[in-house]
Amino acid sequence: MPRAVLVAAIGRGHALAKKFHQSGVELHSLMPFHNPGIAACSTSFQIGNINDPAAVAAFAEKIDPDYVFVAGDDPIAAGAADAVIEKGFDAIAPLKSVARLESDKVFARQFMQEYVPDGTPVFQTFTDADEAQQYIDSVPFDVVVKPSGLTGGKGVKVQGVQLKDKAEAKAYAAESLRTYAGGVVVEEKLDGEEFSLHAFVDGEHFATMPLVQDHKTAFDGDTGPMTGGMGTFTEPDGRLPFVSESDYQTALSIVQRTIDGVKEKTGLKYKGILYAQFMLTAKGPMLIEYNVRFGDPEAMNLLPLLKTNFHDVCSAIVDEELEGFKVEFEPRASICKYVVPTGYPERKEQFAFSIDESKLGDVDLYYSGVEKKPDGTLWTTGSRGFGLVSTDVALQGAYDKAESVIAGLGLKGFRYRKDIGSEESIRRKVERMQRIRLGNAAVRKEQVAQNP
């Protein structure tokens, strides 16, 4: 029986653990607190500091696995893969210097400008607050302010959403430089619809997964503060209704150029999961950011749909044999809805709760910010609580199933976004992209008329 080590904590960790278990893998997990979902799928588990590469390597030596799968951005950025490889084990995660694609947004934007300039918005990077503020005043467009380092998905703020105007954007740029190391990125705010493209990568080749759309803001209607992600959906054909075939091919090209660019720039191969976050604009897909691991909640959509044995996929990554390797997914729609404490993300609420799992039916539950105490009680950690994932042959069926289960659980002290995956929400997104594309076509027609 194959043996693997999983380094994980939250919802994607539970989804990964469940998939390893279903694939016949003897799983041993290292996690920072007792996540009951990960623990239930593991032959053994240990509570420890997953952000300490030495602790990760020591756990791997204890288990002697076929490979180590590092699930989270923080341990990858800290160098978990480097430490594991140094001990003679294979790692499914990029090396620390390659992981800068996510952990260092200044580096990432400069990399994008060099290797995928057609997919990169207008931007500048700063280490001086006065210079950043002068730039914000000088540009004719609304801006996005991004601290360079990892912020748990909550550091990015957008003018017109979390930032009321340029005055607030300037203040946040200065605050970011005081709070976070590594500088700040100020870039053009893009108008369009976001989508995520995940890929398994073996250093040279990649295999794609269904497209996913995440919903980052806290409340219905895409309003409120940024979160780690409130929910996601996929469609049965693996695409999204507002993404054209041309858009999809452009995104694939950007992923391949990224893999090739990493090898050229660093001399190293990118091995693991690459998750490219795009904004679909009138000009086509533009890169918002790279992530060097599965998204959360996206992993909870994608892994249940994976038909191919997950261990076989991991082995193909390790052995650099993805070329010609067929990775298949179920042709079903999926919806993941995060159920979070009512004060999230602005208040860290910790309380005991229980779930009657007999009421879930065929809806999957993935524990995230949930800790099982020694007495067996479940407590929220203050972050997102748990994800509920439903699948169906059509998106509406998955939506109805998720809504029915959430209503039946009768949870107190939690909330969720009702609009994710709704028919009305999807219709608005499709119509919005149609308007954006038509507007761009009208502008081009006028430009041609003015300059025959």
Protein backbone atom coordinates (compact mmCIF):
# COMPACT_ATOMS: atom_id res chain seq x y z
CA MET A 1 0.00 0.00 0.00
CA PRO A 2 1.40 3.42 -0.92
CA ARG A 3 2.20 5.71 2.01
CA ALA A 4 1.98 9.50 2.01
CA VAL A 5 2.47 12.36 4.43
CA LEU A 6 0.00 15.24 4.27
CA VAL A 7 0.92 18.62 5.75
CA ALA A 8 -2.36 20.48 6.08
CA ALA A 9 -4.77 22.31 8.33
CA ILE A 10 -8.05 23.55 6.87
CA GLY A 11 -10.81 22.57 4.43
CA ARG A 12 -8.57 21.72 1.49
CA GLY A 13 -6.60 19.49 3.87
CA HIS A 14 -9.74 17.54 4.75
CA ALA A 15 -10.60 17.24 1.04
CA LEU A 16 -7.09 16.00 0.27
CA ALA A 17 -7.12 13.55 3.17
CA LYS A 18 -10.44 12.11 2.04
CA LYS A 19 -9.18 11.73 -1.53
CA PHE A 20 -5.99 10.00 -0.39
CA HIS A 21 -8.08 7.64 1.75
CA GLN A 22 -10.40 6.86 -1.19
CA SER A 23 -7.34 6.18 -3.38
CA GLY A 24 -6.02 3.43 -1.12
CA VAL A 25 -3.19 5.45 0.41
CA GLU A 26 -1.91 4.92 3.93
CA LEU A 27 -2.03 8.53 5.07
CA HIS A 28 -0.13 10.17 7.92
CA SER A 29 -0.94 13.81 8.61
CA LEU A 30 0.84 16.69 10.30
CA MET A 31 -1.49 19.51 11.32
CA PRO A 32 -1.43 22.50 13.70
CA PHE A 33 -4.63 21.52 15.52
CA HIS A 34 -6.90 18.48 15.63
CA ASN A 35 -8.95 18.85 12.46
CA PRO A 36 -11.46 15.99 12.86
CA GLY A 37 -11.88 15.50 9.13
CA ILE A 38 -8.18 15.09 8.40
CA ALA A 39 -7.74 12.88 11.47
CA ALA A 40 -10.58 10.56 10.48
CA CYS A 41 -8.97 9.87 7.09
CA SER A 42 -5.47 9.30 8.47
CA THR A 43 -3.78 6.17 9.74
CA SER A 44 -1.92 8.44 12.16
CA PHE A 45 -1.64 12.14 12.77
CA GLN A 46 0.52 14.51 14.77
CA ILE A 47 -0.15 18.01 16.02
CA GLY A 48 2.81 20.27 15.31
CA ASN A 49 4.12 23.43 13.70
CA ILE A 50 3.50 22.90 9.99
CA ASN A 51 5.29 26.19 9.22
CA ASP A 52 8.57 24.81 10.61
CA PRO A 53 10.38 22.99 7.77
CA ALA A 54 12.49 21.03 10.26
CA ALA A 55 9.35 19.73 11.99
CA VAL A 56 7.88 18.69 8.63
CA ALA A 57 11.11 16.90 7.66
CA ALA A 58 11.27 15.16 11.05
CA PHE A 59 7.71 13.89 10.68
CA ALA A 60 8.54 12.60 7.19
CA GLU A 61 11.57 10.74 8.54
CA LYS A 62 9.36 9.15 11.19
CA ILE A 63 6.82 7.92 8.60
CA ASP A 64 9.15 7.15 5.64
CA PRO A 65 6.52 7.94 2.97
CA ASP A 66 6.57 7.56 -0.80
CA TYR A 67 6.07 11.33 -0.97
CA VAL A 68 5.01 14.34 1.09
CA PHE A 69 2.10 16.51 -0.02
CA VAL A 70 2.32 20.04 1.39
CA ALA A 71 -1.11 21.62 1.14
CA GLY A 72 -0.84 25.17 2.49
CA ASP A 73 0.77 28.38 1.32
CA ASP A 74 2.55 29.18 4.60
CA PRO A 75 4.48 25.90 4.97
CA ILE A 76 5.36 25.95 1.27
CA ALA A 77 6.65 29.53 1.56
CA ALA A 78 8.64 28.55 4.64
CA GLY A 79 10.49 25.85 2.68
CA ALA A 80 8.76 22.60 3.66
CA ALA A 81 9.46 21.04 0.26
CA ASP A 82 13.14 21.98 0.44
CA ALA A 83 13.50 20.38 3.88
CA VAL A 84 11.74 17.18 2.83
CA ILE A 85 13.76 16.81 -0.37
CA GLU A 86 16.98 17.38 1.57
CA LYS A 87 16.06 14.31 3.65
CA GLY A 88 15.65 12.23 0.50
CA PHE A 89 11.85 12.29 0.10
CA ASP A 90 9.81 13.46 -2.86
CA ALA A 91 7.62 16.50 -2.29
CA ILE A 92 4.46 17.52 -4.06
CA ALA A 93 4.90 21.24 -3.61
CA PRO A 94 7.27 23.76 -5.18
CA LEU A 95 10.57 24.73 -3.60
CA LYS A 96 10.76 27.91 -1.53
CA SER A 97 12.43 29.99 -4.24
CA VAL A 98 9.78 28.94 -6.76
CA ALA A 99 6.97 29.50 -4.25
CA ARG A 100 7.79 33.21 -4.39
CA LEU A 101 5.23 33.26 -7.20
CA GLU A 102 2.71 33.39 -4.35
CA SER A 103 4.64 34.47 -1.28
CA ASP A 104 6.20 37.55 -2.90
CA LYS A 105 3.73 39.54 -5.02
CA VAL A 106 6.43 41.99 -6.07
CA PHE A 107 8.49 39.11 -7.48
CA ALA A 108 5.35 37.59 -9.04
CA ARG A 109 4.36 40.75 -10.89
CA GLN A 110 7.89 41.23 -12.21
CA PHE A 111 7.91 37.58 -13.32
CA MET A 112 4.54 38.03 -15.08
CA GLN A 113 5.78 41.15 -16.84
CA GLU A 114 8.72 39.17 -18.20
CA TYR A 115 7.00 35.91 -19.17
CA VAL A 116 3.29 36.69 -19.64
CA PRO A 117 3.16 40.43 -20.42
CA ASP A 118 -0.10 40.07 -22.36
CA GLY A 119 -1.78 38.74 -19.21
CA THR A 120 -0.44 41.32 -16.80
CA PRO A 121 -2.29 44.53 -15.79
CA VAL A 122 -0.58 47.90 -15.44
CA PHE A 123 1.25 47.98 -12.10
CA GLN A 124 4.09 49.44 -10.07
CA THR A 125 5.83 48.13 -6.96
CA PHE A 126 6.89 50.29 -4.01
CA THR A 127 8.81 50.21 -0.76
CA ASP A 128 8.30 53.93 -0.08
CA ALA A 129 4.86 55.17 1.02
CA ASP A 130 5.22 58.64 -0.51
CA GLU A 131 6.09 57.20 -3.90
CA ALA A 132 3.17 54.77 -3.76
CA GLN A 133 0.76 57.57 -2.85
CA GLN A 134 2.06 59.83 -5.62
CA TYR A 135 1.55 57.00 -8.11
CA ILE A 136 -2.02 56.40 -6.93
CA ASP A 137 -2.76 60.11 -7.43
CA SER A 138 -1.17 60.15 -10.89
CA VAL A 139 -2.92 57.23 -12.60
CA PRO A 140 -6.25 57.72 -14.40
CA PHE A 141 -7.70 54.39 -13.25
CA ASP A 142 -9.00 52.92 -9.99
CA VAL A 143 -6.40 50.82 -8.19
CA VAL A 144 -5.88 47.59 -6.28
CA VAL A 145 -3.42 47.62 -3.36
CA LYS A 146 -1.63 44.35 -2.56
CA PRO A 147 0.87 43.76 0.24
CA SER A 148 3.72 41.69 -1.16
CA GLY A 149 3.65 38.83 1.34
CA LEU A 150 1.09 36.23 2.38
CA THR A 151 -2.01 37.63 4.09
CA GLY A 152 -4.37 34.66 4.21
CA GLY A 153 -6.38 35.98 1.26
CA LYS A 154 -7.44 39.09 3.19
CA GLY A 155 -4.71 41.62 2.36
CA VAL A 156 -5.81 42.71 -1.12
CA LYS A 157 -8.09 45.75 -1.17
CA VAL A 158 -9.87 47.20 -4.19
CA GLN A 159 -10.84 50.80 -4.81
CA GLY A 160 -14.62 50.99 -5.07
CA VAL A 161 -15.07 47.87 -2.93
CA GLN A 162 -13.05 47.78 0.30
CA LEU A 163 -11.48 51.20 -0.43
CA LYS A 164 -13.93 54.05 -1.00
CA ASP A 165 -11.63 56.29 -3.04
CA LYS A 166 -8.00 57.12 -3.80
CA ALA A 167 -7.56 58.73 -0.41
CA GLU A 168 -8.34 55.41 1.26
CA ALA A 169 -6.14 53.59 -1.27
CA LYS A 170 -3.21 55.86 -0.37
CA ALA A 171 -3.79 55.33 3.34
CA TYR A 172 -3.93 51.56 2.89
CA ALA A 173 -0.73 51.53 0.80
CA ALA A 174 1.06 53.32 3.64
CA GLU A 175 -0.47 50.99 6.23
CA SER A 176 0.58 47.93 4.22
CA LEU A 177 4.17 49.12 4.05
CA ARG A 178 4.17 49.55 7.83
CA THR A 179 2.49 46.19 8.50
CA TYR A 180 3.91 43.79 5.93
CA ALA A 181 7.45 43.16 4.74
CA GLY A 182 8.54 43.11 1.12
CA GLY A 183 6.81 46.15 -0.34
CA VAL A 184 3.46 46.75 -1.93
CA VAL A 185 1.99 46.34 -5.42
CA VAL A 186 -0.35 49.00 -6.79
CA GLU A 187 -2.09 47.94 -9.96
CA GLU A 188 -4.93 48.77 -12.28
CA LYS A 189 -8.36 47.65 -11.15
CA LEU A 190 -9.69 45.25 -13.77
CA ASP A 191 -13.34 45.08 -14.81
CA GLY A 192 -14.68 41.59 -15.41
CA GLU A 193 -15.32 38.19 -13.86
CA GLU A 194 -12.78 36.14 -11.93
CA PHE A 195 -12.05 32.47 -12.54
CA SER A 196 -9.47 29.97 -11.34
CA LEU A 197 -7.52 27.47 -13.40
CA HIS A 198 -5.86 24.69 -11.37
CA ALA A 199 -3.27 22.35 -12.83
CA PHE A 200 -1.23 19.36 -11.77
CA VAL A 201 2.37 20.13 -12.80
CA ASP A 202 5.36 17.78 -13.14
CA GLY A 203 7.99 20.39 -14.00
CA GLU A 204 7.49 20.29 -17.77
CA HIS A 205 3.87 19.38 -18.44
CA PHE A 206 0.53 19.94 -16.78
CA ALA A 207 -2.95 18.46 -16.55
CA THR A 208 -5.82 20.85 -16.01
CA MET A 209 -8.81 20.67 -13.71
CA PRO A 210 -12.30 22.16 -14.18
CA LEU A 211 -12.54 25.93 -14.03
CA VAL A 212 -13.80 27.32 -10.72
CA GLN A 213 -15.15 30.68 -9.63
CA ASP A 214 -14.44 31.78 -6.06
CA HIS A 215 -16.38 34.43 -4.13
CA LYS A 216 -13.91 36.35 -1.99
CA THR A 217 -16.07 38.97 -0.31
CA ALA A 218 -17.98 38.26 2.88
CA PHE A 219 -21.58 38.99 1.88
CA ASP A 220 -24.13 38.37 -0.86
CA GLY A 221 -23.83 40.52 -3.96
CA ASP A 222 -20.01 40.48 -3.78
CA THR A 223 -19.93 43.04 -0.97
CA GLY A 224 -18.06 43.38 2.30
CA PRO A 225 -14.48 42.71 3.38
CA MET A 226 -12.17 40.21 1.74
CA THR A 227 -12.15 36.68 3.14
CA GLY A 228 -10.24 33.48 2.48
CA GLY A 229 -13.12 32.58 0.13
CA MET A 230 -16.82 32.13 0.93
CA GLY A 231 -17.62 29.55 -1.73
CA THR A 232 -17.11 28.29 -5.25
CA PHE A 233 -18.84 26.53 -8.11
CA THR A 234 -18.00 24.47 -11.19
CA GLU A 235 -20.08 23.50 -14.22
CA PRO A 236 -20.53 19.94 -15.63
CA ASP A 237 -18.41 20.64 -18.73
CA GLY A 238 -15.48 21.91 -16.67
CA ARG A 239 -15.85 25.44 -18.03
CA LEU A 240 -17.75 28.51 -16.86
CA PRO A 241 -20.63 30.09 -18.82
CA PHE A 242 -18.85 33.42 -19.31
CA VAL A 243 -15.48 31.93 -20.41
CA SER A 244 -15.13 31.43 -24.18
CA GLU A 245 -12.98 28.78 -25.86
CA SER A 246 -10.53 31.51 -26.88
CA ASP A 247 -10.34 32.74 -23.27
CA TYR A 248 -9.69 29.20 -22.07
CA GLN A 249 -6.90 28.61 -24.59
CA THR A 250 -5.26 31.88 -23.58
CA ALA A 251 -5.33 30.80 -19.94
CA LEU A 252 -3.75 27.44 -20.85
CA SER A 253 -1.02 29.25 -22.75
CA ILE A 254 -0.28 31.42 -19.72
CA VAL A 255 0.03 28.35 -17.49
CA GLN A 256 2.50 26.71 -19.88
CA ARG A 257 4.54 29.91 -20.22
CA THR A 258 4.63 30.15 -16.44
CA ILE A 259 5.99 26.62 -16.06
CA ASP A 260 8.59 27.26 -18.78
CA GLY A 261 9.43 30.65 -17.30
CA VAL A 262 10.09 29.20 -13.85
CA LYS A 263 12.55 26.73 -15.30
CA GLU A 264 14.31 29.41 -17.35
CA LYS A 265 14.47 32.02 -14.58
CA THR A 266 15.36 29.79 -11.62
CA GLY A 267 16.84 26.67 -13.18
CA LEU A 268 14.30 24.69 -11.14
CA LYS A 269 11.22 22.72 -12.10
CA TYR A 270 7.79 23.62 -10.80
CA LYS A 271 6.29 20.43 -9.33
CA GLY A 272 2.97 20.33 -7.54
CA ILE A 273 -0.25 22.29 -7.91
CA LEU A 274 -0.35 25.59 -9.78
CA TYR A 275 -3.47 27.67 -9.39
CA ALA A 276 -3.71 30.73 -11.61
CA GLN A 277 -6.30 33.32 -10.65
CA PHE A 278 -7.62 35.25 -13.66
CA MET A 279 -9.84 38.22 -14.25
CA LEU A 280 -11.72 37.82 -17.50
CA THR A 281 -11.80 41.28 -19.09
CA ALA A 282 -12.78 42.77 -22.43
CA LYS A 283 -9.18 42.13 -23.50
CA GLY A 284 -9.30 38.50 -22.39
CA PRO A 285 -7.92 36.75 -19.29
CA MET A 286 -5.56 38.82 -17.12
CA LEU A 287 -3.57 37.30 -14.26
CA ILE A 288 -4.57 38.51 -10.83
CA GLU A 289 -2.16 36.25 -8.96
CA TYR A 290 -0.47 32.88 -8.74
CA ASN A 291 -1.09 30.37 -5.96
CA VAL A 292 1.30 27.47 -5.50
CA ARG A 293 -1.22 25.02 -4.01
CA PHE A 294 -4.88 24.09 -4.21
CA GLY A 295 -7.27 26.91 -3.48
CA ASP A 296 -9.52 26.74 -0.49
CA PRO A 297 -12.46 26.29 -1.08
CA GLU A 298 -11.65 25.25 -4.68
CA ALA A 299 -10.06 21.98 -3.57
CA MET A 300 -13.40 20.97 -2.07
CA ASN A 301 -15.05 21.34 -5.49
CA LEU A 302 -12.33 19.71 -7.55
CA LEU A 303 -11.17 16.70 -5.57
CA PRO A 304 -14.61 15.06 -5.17
CA LEU A 305 -15.03 15.26 -8.96
CA LEU A 306 -11.66 13.63 -9.70
CA LYS A 307 -12.23 10.19 -11.24
CA THR A 308 -8.57 9.26 -11.73
CA ASN A 309 -6.89 7.62 -8.73
CA PHE A 310 -5.30 10.48 -6.79
CA HIS A 311 -2.22 8.48 -5.83
CA ASP A 312 -1.61 7.76 -9.51
CA VAL A 313 -1.79 11.50 -10.26
CA CYS A 314 0.65 12.25 -7.44
CA SER A 315 3.02 9.54 -8.70
CA ALA A 316 2.89 11.04 -12.21
CA ILE A 317 3.88 14.42 -10.76
CA VAL A 318 6.77 12.94 -8.78
CA ASP A 319 8.00 10.83 -11.69
CA GLU A 320 7.49 13.64 -14.25
CA GLU A 321 5.12 11.50 -16.32
CA LEU A 322 2.10 13.77 -16.78
CA GLU A 323 2.63 13.99 -20.53
CA GLY A 324 0.01 11.70 -22.02
CA PHE A 325 -1.37 10.83 -18.56
CA LYS A 326 -5.15 11.09 -18.65
CA VAL A 327 -6.69 12.91 -15.69
CA GLU A 328 -10.48 12.64 -15.70
CA PHE A 329 -13.21 14.42 -13.75
CA GLU A 330 -16.88 13.60 -13.29
CA PRO A 331 -19.11 15.64 -15.68
CA ARG A 332 -21.08 17.12 -12.80
CA ALA A 333 -21.64 20.58 -11.40
CA SER A 334 -20.47 21.33 -7.89
CA ILE A 335 -21.07 24.04 -5.30
CA CYS A 336 -19.07 24.64 -2.15
CA LYS A 337 -20.56 26.96 0.46
CA TYR A 338 -18.50 27.97 3.44
CA VAL A 339 -20.44 28.19 6.69
CA VAL A 340 -18.61 30.70 8.89
CA PRO A 341 -19.04 32.28 12.33
CA THR A 342 -21.28 35.33 12.02
CA GLY A 343 -18.48 37.78 12.86
CA TYR A 344 -16.02 36.41 10.30
CA PRO A 345 -13.67 37.85 9.03
CA GLU A 346 -13.64 40.89 11.29
CA ARG A 347 -14.12 39.07 14.61
CA LYS A 348 -12.38 35.90 15.76
CA GLU A 349 -15.25 33.93 17.29
CA GLN A 350 -14.54 30.68 19.12
CA PHE A 351 -17.42 28.57 20.41
CA ALA A 352 -18.57 24.97 20.71
CA PHE A 353 -21.05 23.55 18.22
CA SER A 354 -22.31 20.28 16.83
CA ILE A 355 -23.54 19.02 13.46
CA ASP A 356 -26.07 16.27 12.90
CA GLU A 357 -24.29 14.54 10.00
CA SER A 358 -27.31 12.30 9.41
CA LYS A 359 -28.98 15.36 7.86
CA LEU A 360 -26.28 15.82 5.21
CA GLY A 361 -27.55 13.22 2.75
CA ASP A 362 -25.11 13.09 -0.15
CA VAL A 363 -23.73 16.57 0.58
CA ASP A 364 -20.08 16.39 1.68
CA LEU A 365 -18.84 18.21 4.78
CA TYR A 366 -15.24 19.42 5.07
CA TYR A 367 -13.96 20.78 8.37
CA SER A 368 -11.78 23.88 8.15
CA GLY A 369 -11.45 26.24 11.13
CA VAL A 370 -12.73 23.52 13.46
CA GLU A 371 -10.79 21.90 16.29
CA LYS A 372 -11.76 18.71 18.08
CA LYS A 373 -11.00 19.10 21.77
CA PRO A 374 -9.78 16.23 24.01
CA ASP A 375 -13.31 15.79 25.37
CA GLY A 376 -14.62 15.23 21.82
CA THR A 377 -16.39 18.57 21.42
CA LEU A 378 -16.01 20.64 18.25
CA TRP A 379 -14.95 24.29 18.52
CA THR A 380 -14.53 26.98 15.91
CA THR A 381 -11.00 28.37 15.73
CA GLY A 382 -12.21 31.84 14.77
CA SER A 383 -11.64 31.41 11.04
CA ARG A 384 -13.97 29.86 8.46
CA GLY A 385 -15.92 26.97 9.95
CA PHE A 386 -16.65 24.26 7.39
CA GLY A 387 -17.49 23.76 3.74
CA LEU A 388 -20.57 21.99 2.44
CA VAL A 389 -20.20 20.60 -1.09
CA SER A 390 -23.03 19.36 -3.28
CA THR A 391 -22.82 17.94 -6.79
CA ASP A 392 -25.43 17.26 -9.45
CA VAL A 393 -25.78 16.84 -13.20
CA ALA A 394 -26.75 20.53 -13.36
CA LEU A 395 -25.75 23.54 -11.29
CA GLN A 396 -29.32 24.34 -10.23
CA GLY A 397 -29.68 20.86 -8.76
CA ALA A 398 -26.45 21.26 -6.80
CA TYR A 399 -27.61 24.68 -5.57
CA ASP A 400 -31.01 23.42 -4.42
CA LYS A 401 -29.40 20.48 -2.62
CA ALA A 402 -26.92 22.69 -0.75
CA GLU A 403 -29.59 25.18 0.28
CA SER A 404 -31.87 22.43 1.54
CA VAL A 405 -29.16 20.83 3.66
CA ILE A 406 -27.99 24.12 5.19
CA ALA A 407 -31.58 25.02 6.13
CA GLY A 408 -32.09 21.59 7.67
CA LEU A 409 -28.99 21.79 9.87
CA GLY A 410 -30.48 24.66 11.89
CA LEU A 411 -27.05 26.04 12.80
CA LYS A 412 -26.76 28.85 15.36
CA GLY A 413 -23.96 31.41 15.33
CA PHE A 414 -23.06 30.80 11.67
CA ARG A 415 -23.83 32.43 8.34
CA TYR A 416 -23.11 31.75 4.66
CA ARG A 417 -23.54 33.35 1.23
CA LYS A 418 -26.86 32.32 -0.26
CA ASP A 419 -26.13 33.78 -3.71
CA ILE A 420 -23.18 31.54 -4.63
CA GLY A 421 -24.19 29.35 -7.57
CA SER A 422 -27.73 30.73 -7.79
CA GLU A 423 -29.42 30.99 -11.16
CA GLU A 424 -29.83 34.75 -10.73
CA SER A 425 -26.17 35.22 -9.81
CA ILE A 426 -24.95 33.26 -12.84
CA ARG A 427 -27.28 35.18 -15.15
CA ARG A 428 -25.91 38.49 -13.89
CA LYS A 429 -22.33 37.35 -14.43
CA VAL A 430 -23.02 36.24 -18.00
CA GLU A 431 -24.86 39.47 -18.84
CA ARG A 432 -22.11 41.54 -17.27
CA MET A 433 -19.43 39.93 -19.42
CA GLN A 434 -21.61 40.42 -22.49
CA ARG A 435 -21.86 44.14 -21.70
CA ILE A 436 -18.13 44.42 -21.12
CA ARG A 437 -17.33 42.68 -24.40
CA LEU A 438 -19.88 44.72 -26.36
CA GLY A 439 -18.54 47.92 -24.84
CA ASN A 440 -15.02 47.04 -25.85
CA ALA A 441 -16.17 46.18 -29.38
CA ALA A 442 -17.92 49.57 -29.64
CA VAL A 443 -14.77 51.36 -28.51
CA ARG A 444 -12.70 49.53 -31.12
CA LYS A 445 -15.23 50.37 -33.84
CA GLU A 446 -15.10 54.06 -32.89
CA GLN A 447 -11.31 54.03 -32.87
CA VAL A 448 -11.24 52.52 -36.36
CA ALA A 449 -13.75 55.13 -37.59
CA GLN A 450 -11.57 57.92 -36.20
CA ASN A 451 -8.39 56.47 -37.64
CA PRO A 452 -9.35 54.80 -40.95
